Amino acid sequence: MRPRPGADAEARRRGALLALPLLALPLVALTFVALLVLTASGVRAAEERRTSIGHAAMQPRVAPLWVAADQRLFAQEGVHAAVVLIASAPVLVASLTARELQLGYTGGTAVLAAVAGGVPMRMVAAFTSRLAFDFVARPGITRPEDLRGKRVGIQTFGGPIFMGVLLALEHLGLDPVRDRIHVQPIGGQPQLVQALQAGAIDATVMDGVFSRRLKALGYPILAELHKANIPFTGEGVVALKSTIEQSPQLIERILRALVRAVAFIEHPGNREAVVQILVRRLRVESPRLAEEGYQDLLQVLERQPYPSAEGLRNMRRLLARQNPRAATIPVEEVVETRFLRKLDESGFIDALYAPTRGR
């Protein structure tokens, strides 16, 4: 039987139509994969913009963190940051290791202790570089030698107050072992004030916002350590090495907000706002105390918060007496300054203090 005219052409047309869905399958598959990638990227980006920052200290030098949160500077940098108060620096480190927190705001002592314990932690900024505590004793103790055989309170072993006590005792010519000084964990600075007043401890270190009230009540100040110019790497931003590598944009956004917070604190027009933040966050009884804490803060904040290598070495030296592994830590490997260098070298930090810039 002869095919009718045009049958071949019609067959080819039908074949082409039948083939269209097959040809479209790869395109559909590629589109689906692209959507999955975009969705995953979007979820990951959203996760990176949400973070939790833990701090264990209750003192004015935490102000950059509090100001960045309360003045919505984190939000302005595209980050939703939850600020969480943690019981102590070792608990903070444990929370970071368990990834219950993404970032920490603590001192160099906690970082050195963590690295000595095998935790790959890094410090990306430190907003103070000198010891700023007062060494306060109970009434009746008027000389450093009166502390022999006495009890000195700290927040916890391995935290900034612990290191502050060790440096303060050394500055006064005392040694905890030789002079039989009992170092006792009590709690944060508000709890140390209560313990001193209750007679549970004989001395401790604390910030001026707390020590001035005790001084007015007759408690002697054995040393104003800010006058001694003792190198000390204070509170700043810390994170696991893996967090830094996986979320570099998050680290940069957090640092941008915090250096902006320092500029906000230093601007005279923002004094009242900062004092009110300190009143609320520190839960102090009097705005006058918060005002004094604010003035103390202005004396110690670093505009370019590079972690002090000198301070870390000073702290490593004393920490090694408790943990010999600390002596082997190269302090240069504890810090990660590339994010701060980028902000610094780009002129971002200097621009915050330009006379024509409104802050």
Protein backbone atom coordinates (compact mmCIF):
# COMPACT_ATOMS: atom_id res chain seq x y z
CA MET A 1 0.00 0.00 0.00
CA ARG A 2 1.42 3.37 -1.03
CA PRO A 3 1.62 6.06 1.67
CA ARG A 4 -0.58 9.01 1.11
CA PRO A 5 1.08 12.30 0.17
CA GLY A 6 2.46 14.25 3.14
CA ALA A 7 2.36 11.25 5.50
CA ASP A 8 6.12 11.36 6.12
CA ALA A 9 6.03 15.03 7.05
CA GLU A 10 3.12 14.52 9.42
CA ALA A 11 4.90 11.60 11.12
CA ARG A 12 7.98 13.71 11.61
CA ARG A 13 5.84 16.52 13.11
CA ARG A 14 4.15 14.07 15.54
CA GLY A 15 7.53 12.63 16.50
CA ALA A 16 8.87 16.07 17.24
CA LEU A 17 5.83 16.88 19.39
CA LEU A 18 6.26 13.62 21.31
CA ALA A 19 9.93 14.39 21.83
CA LEU A 20 9.28 17.86 23.32
CA PRO A 21 8.57 16.59 26.88
CA LEU A 22 11.68 14.44 26.72
CA LEU A 23 13.78 17.39 25.58
CA ALA A 24 12.29 19.54 28.33
CA LEU A 25 13.14 17.08 31.10
CA PRO A 26 16.80 18.14 31.43
CA LEU A 27 15.74 21.80 31.48
CA VAL A 28 13.15 21.11 34.18
CA ALA A 29 15.69 19.14 36.18
CA LEU A 30 18.26 21.96 35.91
CA THR A 31 15.68 24.50 36.97
CA PHE A 32 14.71 22.34 39.98
CA VAL A 33 18.35 21.93 41.01
CA ALA A 34 18.92 25.67 40.64
CA LEU A 35 15.91 26.37 42.85
CA LEU A 36 17.23 23.95 45.46
CA VAL A 37 20.64 25.65 45.42
CA LEU A 38 19.11 29.10 45.68
CA THR A 39 16.82 27.97 48.48
CA ALA A 40 19.69 26.35 50.38
CA SER A 41 21.83 29.46 49.88
CA GLY A 42 19.00 31.63 51.11
CA VAL A 43 18.48 29.48 54.20
CA ARG A 44 22.21 29.47 54.91
CA ALA A 45 22.41 33.25 54.47
CA ALA A 46 19.43 33.70 56.76
CA GLU A 47 21.04 31.46 59.36
CA GLU A 48 24.27 33.47 59.13
CA ARG A 49 22.31 36.66 59.80
CA ARG A 50 20.92 35.19 63.02
CA THR A 51 23.43 34.61 65.78
CA SER A 52 23.81 34.39 69.53
CA ILE A 53 26.57 36.14 71.45
CA GLY A 54 27.32 35.03 75.00
CA HIS A 55 29.04 37.08 77.71
CA ALA A 56 29.86 36.13 81.29
CA ALA A 57 30.90 39.49 82.75
CA MET A 58 28.66 42.11 84.35
CA GLN A 59 30.76 45.25 84.17
CA PRO A 60 30.96 48.45 82.09
CA ARG A 61 33.49 47.04 79.61
CA VAL A 62 30.71 44.91 78.12
CA ALA A 63 29.12 48.20 76.98
CA PRO A 64 30.10 47.88 73.28
CA LEU A 65 28.08 44.66 73.10
CA TRP A 66 25.11 46.11 74.96
CA VAL A 67 25.13 49.34 72.95
CA ALA A 68 25.32 47.46 69.64
CA ALA A 69 22.26 45.46 70.68
CA ASP A 70 20.19 48.22 72.31
CA GLN A 71 20.92 50.83 69.64
CA ARG A 72 20.12 48.29 66.90
CA LEU A 73 23.58 48.53 65.37
CA PHE A 74 23.63 44.77 64.79
CA ALA A 75 20.29 45.05 62.99
CA GLN A 76 21.62 47.91 60.88
CA GLU A 77 24.43 45.62 59.77
CA GLY A 78 21.88 42.98 58.76
CA VAL A 79 22.35 40.68 61.78
CA HIS A 80 19.78 39.54 64.31
CA ALA A 81 21.99 39.05 67.37
CA ALA A 82 20.69 37.63 70.63
CA VAL A 83 22.86 38.68 73.60
CA VAL A 84 22.94 35.95 76.25
CA LEU A 85 24.32 36.18 79.80
CA ILE A 86 26.32 33.04 80.70
CA ALA A 87 27.27 31.93 84.21
CA SER A 88 31.05 32.00 83.69
CA ALA A 89 33.79 32.11 81.06
CA PRO A 90 34.40 28.31 81.14
CA VAL A 91 30.67 27.71 80.65
CA LEU A 92 30.74 30.17 77.77
CA VAL A 93 33.60 28.24 76.16
CA ALA A 94 31.69 24.98 76.65
CA SER A 95 28.61 26.54 75.02
CA LEU A 96 30.68 27.63 72.02
CA THR A 97 32.24 24.18 71.73
CA ALA A 98 28.77 22.58 71.81
CA ARG A 99 27.63 25.18 69.23
CA GLU A 100 24.89 26.40 71.54
CA LEU A 101 26.45 29.84 70.92
CA GLN A 102 28.05 31.12 67.74
CA LEU A 103 30.12 33.91 69.29
CA GLY A 104 31.43 34.90 72.69
CA TYR A 105 32.33 38.20 74.31
CA THR A 106 35.03 37.44 76.85
CA GLY A 107 38.68 38.01 77.71
CA GLY A 108 41.96 36.55 76.53
CA THR A 109 42.27 34.29 79.58
CA ALA A 110 39.29 32.20 78.47
CA VAL A 111 40.69 31.89 74.95
CA LEU A 112 44.16 30.85 76.14
CA ALA A 113 42.67 28.31 78.55
CA ALA A 114 40.45 26.91 75.78
CA VAL A 115 43.33 26.56 73.33
CA ALA A 116 45.49 24.95 76.03
CA GLY A 117 42.66 22.45 76.47
CA GLY A 118 42.59 21.59 72.77
CA VAL A 119 39.67 23.81 71.70
CA PRO A 120 40.46 25.64 68.40
CA MET A 121 39.28 29.08 69.50
CA ARG A 122 40.33 32.47 68.15
CA MET A 123 40.01 36.06 69.32
CA VAL A 124 39.06 38.50 66.57
CA ALA A 125 38.89 41.71 68.64
CA ALA A 126 39.59 42.96 72.17
CA PHE A 127 38.24 46.31 73.31
CA THR A 128 40.61 46.84 76.27
CA SER A 129 44.34 46.18 76.59
CA ARG A 130 45.18 47.18 80.19
CA LEU A 131 44.09 45.82 83.57
CA ALA A 132 41.43 48.19 84.95
CA PHE A 133 40.20 46.58 88.19
CA ASP A 134 40.44 47.92 91.72
CA PHE A 135 41.72 45.53 94.41
CA VAL A 136 39.27 45.90 97.30
CA ALA A 137 39.61 44.41 100.80
CA ARG A 138 37.37 44.17 103.84
CA PRO A 139 37.79 46.74 106.63
CA GLY A 140 40.81 45.96 108.79
CA ILE A 141 43.02 44.90 105.88
CA THR A 142 45.10 47.94 104.99
CA ARG A 143 48.37 46.53 103.59
CA PRO A 144 49.09 43.86 100.95
CA GLU A 145 50.87 41.68 103.51
CA ASP A 146 47.62 41.53 105.50
CA LEU A 147 46.29 39.23 102.77
CA ARG A 148 48.59 36.36 103.71
CA GLY A 149 46.47 33.37 104.67
CA LYS A 150 43.28 35.17 103.61
CA ARG A 151 40.50 34.42 101.11
CA VAL A 152 40.36 36.19 97.76
CA GLY A 153 37.21 35.85 95.67
CA ILE A 154 36.97 35.31 91.93
CA GLN A 155 34.13 34.59 89.52
CA THR A 156 35.55 31.26 88.35
CA PHE A 157 38.90 29.71 87.57
CA GLY A 158 40.06 30.60 84.06
CA GLY A 159 38.04 33.80 83.72
CA PRO A 160 39.10 37.47 83.48
CA ILE A 161 38.57 38.13 87.21
CA PHE A 162 40.71 35.11 88.06
CA MET A 163 43.52 36.47 85.90
CA GLY A 164 42.95 39.95 87.32
CA VAL A 165 43.44 38.58 90.84
CA LEU A 166 46.67 36.79 89.86
CA LEU A 167 48.07 39.93 88.22
CA ALA A 168 46.97 42.10 91.14
CA LEU A 169 48.63 39.82 93.70
CA GLU A 170 51.81 39.77 91.64
CA HIS A 171 51.73 43.56 91.41
CA LEU A 172 51.48 43.73 95.21
CA GLY A 173 54.39 41.33 95.68
CA LEU A 174 52.24 38.38 96.75
CA ASP A 175 52.09 34.78 95.58
CA PRO A 176 48.98 32.63 96.18
CA VAL A 177 50.99 29.50 96.98
CA ARG A 178 53.82 31.03 99.00
CA ASP A 179 51.53 33.33 100.94
CA ARG A 180 48.80 30.71 101.45
CA ILE A 181 46.14 32.88 99.82
CA HIS A 182 42.95 30.91 99.23
CA VAL A 183 41.37 31.75 95.86
CA GLN A 184 37.63 31.03 96.03
CA PRO A 185 35.10 31.00 93.15
CA ILE A 186 32.07 33.09 94.15
CA GLY A 187 30.36 34.53 91.10
CA GLY A 188 30.23 37.74 89.08
CA GLN A 189 31.07 41.16 90.41
CA PRO A 190 27.67 41.80 92.06
CA GLN A 191 28.05 38.49 93.91
CA LEU A 192 31.63 39.34 94.87
CA VAL A 193 30.42 42.61 96.38
CA GLN A 194 27.86 40.72 98.46
CA ALA A 195 30.44 38.12 99.54
CA LEU A 196 32.84 40.83 100.65
CA GLN A 197 30.14 42.60 102.64
CA ALA A 198 29.02 39.33 104.21
CA GLY A 199 32.57 38.43 105.26
CA ALA A 200 32.67 35.33 103.06
CA ILE A 201 35.88 36.61 101.40
CA ASP A 202 38.58 39.05 102.48
CA ALA A 203 39.40 40.71 99.15
CA THR A 204 38.70 40.66 95.43
CA VAL A 205 39.09 42.71 92.26
CA MET A 206 36.22 44.66 90.72
CA ASP A 207 35.45 47.63 88.51
CA GLY A 208 35.16 51.14 89.85
CA VAL A 209 31.40 51.15 89.39
CA PHE A 210 31.25 48.62 92.23
CA SER A 211 34.37 49.53 94.26
CA ARG A 212 33.50 53.20 94.79
CA ARG A 213 30.38 52.33 96.73
CA LEU A 214 32.40 50.01 98.98
CA LYS A 215 35.12 52.62 99.42
CA ALA A 216 32.48 55.07 100.67
CA LEU A 217 31.47 52.44 103.23
CA GLY A 218 35.03 52.11 104.54
CA TYR A 219 36.39 49.25 102.45
CA PRO A 220 40.06 49.93 101.59
CA ILE A 221 41.29 49.97 98.00
CA LEU A 222 44.66 48.22 98.08
CA ALA A 223 45.45 49.00 94.44
CA GLU A 224 43.93 51.00 91.58
CA LEU A 225 45.27 48.74 88.89
CA HIS A 226 44.45 51.00 85.94
CA LYS A 227 47.27 53.24 87.19
CA ALA A 228 49.78 50.36 87.04
CA ASN A 229 49.55 50.01 83.24
CA ILE A 230 49.55 46.19 83.38
CA PRO A 231 49.11 44.55 79.92
CA PHE A 232 45.85 42.62 79.88
CA THR A 233 43.79 41.45 76.90
CA GLY A 234 40.26 42.17 78.03
CA GLU A 235 36.77 41.50 76.71
CA GLY A 236 36.30 41.04 73.01
CA VAL A 237 34.88 38.82 70.29
CA VAL A 238 35.84 35.13 70.28
CA ALA A 239 34.71 32.20 68.16
CA LEU A 240 35.67 28.71 67.13
CA LYS A 241 38.05 28.61 64.18
CA SER A 242 35.47 26.65 62.19
CA THR A 243 32.81 29.32 62.79
CA ILE A 244 35.17 32.00 61.50
CA GLU A 245 35.96 29.96 58.38
CA GLN A 246 32.32 29.08 57.67
CA SER A 247 30.76 32.49 58.39
CA PRO A 248 33.27 35.23 57.52
CA GLN A 249 30.54 37.71 56.54
CA LEU A 250 28.87 37.27 59.92
CA ILE A 251 32.15 38.00 61.73
CA GLU A 252 32.70 41.14 59.67
CA ARG A 253 29.14 42.40 60.25
CA ILE A 254 29.45 41.83 64.01
CA LEU A 255 32.76 43.70 64.13
CA ARG A 256 31.34 46.59 62.12
CA ALA A 257 28.52 46.94 64.63
CA LEU A 258 30.85 46.76 67.63
CA VAL A 259 33.38 49.34 66.41
CA ARG A 260 30.40 51.57 65.62
CA ALA A 261 29.25 50.99 69.20
CA VAL A 262 32.62 52.21 70.53
CA ALA A 263 32.27 55.38 68.43
CA PHE A 264 28.73 55.82 69.77
CA ILE A 265 29.95 55.47 73.35
CA GLU A 266 32.73 58.02 72.85
CA HIS A 267 30.50 60.66 71.26
CA PRO A 268 29.66 63.23 73.98
CA GLY A 269 26.11 63.61 72.69
CA ASN A 270 25.38 59.97 73.48
CA ARG A 271 26.48 60.08 77.13
CA GLU A 272 22.97 59.93 78.59
CA ALA A 273 21.92 57.07 76.32
CA VAL A 274 25.00 55.03 77.28
CA VAL A 275 24.51 55.75 81.00
CA GLN A 276 20.92 54.54 80.80
CA ILE A 277 22.07 51.33 79.09
CA LEU A 278 24.57 50.77 81.91
CA VAL A 279 21.90 51.43 84.55
CA ARG A 280 19.59 48.87 82.98
CA ARG A 281 22.18 46.23 82.10
CA LEU A 282 24.24 46.44 85.31
CA ARG A 283 21.14 46.84 87.50
CA VAL A 284 22.92 49.50 89.56
CA GLU A 285 20.95 51.44 92.16
CA SER A 286 22.02 54.91 91.13
CA PRO A 287 22.51 56.61 87.75
CA ARG A 288 25.50 58.32 89.39
CA LEU A 289 27.26 54.96 89.66
CA ALA A 290 26.54 54.25 86.01
CA GLU A 291 27.88 57.70 85.12
CA GLU A 292 31.12 56.86 86.94
CA GLY A 293 31.28 53.56 85.10
CA TYR A 294 30.81 55.43 81.83
CA GLN A 295 33.69 57.77 82.63
CA ASP A 296 35.90 54.78 83.52
CA LEU A 297 34.94 53.16 80.23
CA LEU A 298 36.08 56.16 78.20
CA GLN A 299 39.57 55.75 79.66
CA VAL A 300 40.08 52.15 78.54
CA LEU A 301 38.18 51.52 75.29
CA GLU A 302 40.23 50.87 72.17
CA ARG A 303 39.00 52.47 68.95
CA GLN A 304 41.01 49.95 66.92
CA PRO A 305 40.44 46.82 68.99
CA TYR A 306 43.33 44.61 67.95
CA PRO A 307 43.90 41.92 70.60
CA SER A 308 47.03 42.85 72.55
CA ALA A 309 49.79 40.29 71.98
CA GLU A 310 51.64 41.78 74.95
CA GLY A 311 48.58 41.26 77.13
CA LEU A 312 48.14 37.67 75.94
CA ARG A 313 51.78 36.87 76.67
CA ASN A 314 51.44 38.38 80.15
CA MET A 315 48.36 36.28 80.82
CA ARG A 316 49.88 33.14 79.28
CA ARG A 317 52.82 33.46 81.67
CA LEU A 318 50.59 33.21 84.75
CA LEU A 319 48.17 30.71 83.23
CA ALA A 320 51.09 28.37 82.56
CA ARG A 321 51.57 28.03 86.32
CA GLN A 322 48.14 26.41 86.47
CA ASN A 323 48.33 24.59 83.13
CA PRO A 324 51.85 23.97 81.72
CA ARG A 325 50.38 23.46 78.22
CA ALA A 326 49.61 27.16 78.07
CA ALA A 327 53.33 27.96 77.90
CA THR A 328 53.55 26.32 74.46
CA ILE A 329 50.78 28.40 72.86
CA PRO A 330 52.02 30.92 70.24
CA VAL A 331 49.85 33.96 70.97
CA GLU A 332 49.93 34.92 67.28
CA GLU A 333 47.91 31.78 66.54
CA VAL A 334 45.27 32.69 69.11
CA VAL A 335 44.20 35.86 67.30
CA GLU A 336 42.53 36.38 63.92
CA THR A 337 42.83 40.02 62.84
CA ARG A 338 42.08 39.92 59.11
CA PHE A 339 38.52 41.20 59.59
CA LEU A 340 39.62 44.08 61.77
CA ARG A 341 42.50 44.91 59.42
CA LYS A 342 40.03 45.10 56.54
CA LEU A 343 37.87 47.60 58.43
CA ASP A 344 40.90 49.55 59.58
CA GLU A 345 42.71 49.73 56.24
CA SER A 346 39.52 50.63 54.36
CA GLY A 347 39.15 53.76 56.50
CA PHE A 348 35.89 52.52 58.04
CA ILE A 349 37.04 53.04 61.64
CA ASP A 350 38.64 56.45 61.08
CA ALA A 351 35.50 57.65 59.31
CA LEU A 352 33.48 57.00 62.47
CA TYR A 353 35.47 59.73 64.22
CA ALA A 354 35.60 62.25 61.37
CA PRO A 355 34.39 65.68 62.63
CA THR A 356 31.75 65.96 59.90
CA ARG A 357 30.21 62.56 60.54
CA GLY A 358 27.07 62.41 62.67
CA ARG A 359 27.07 59.59 65.19
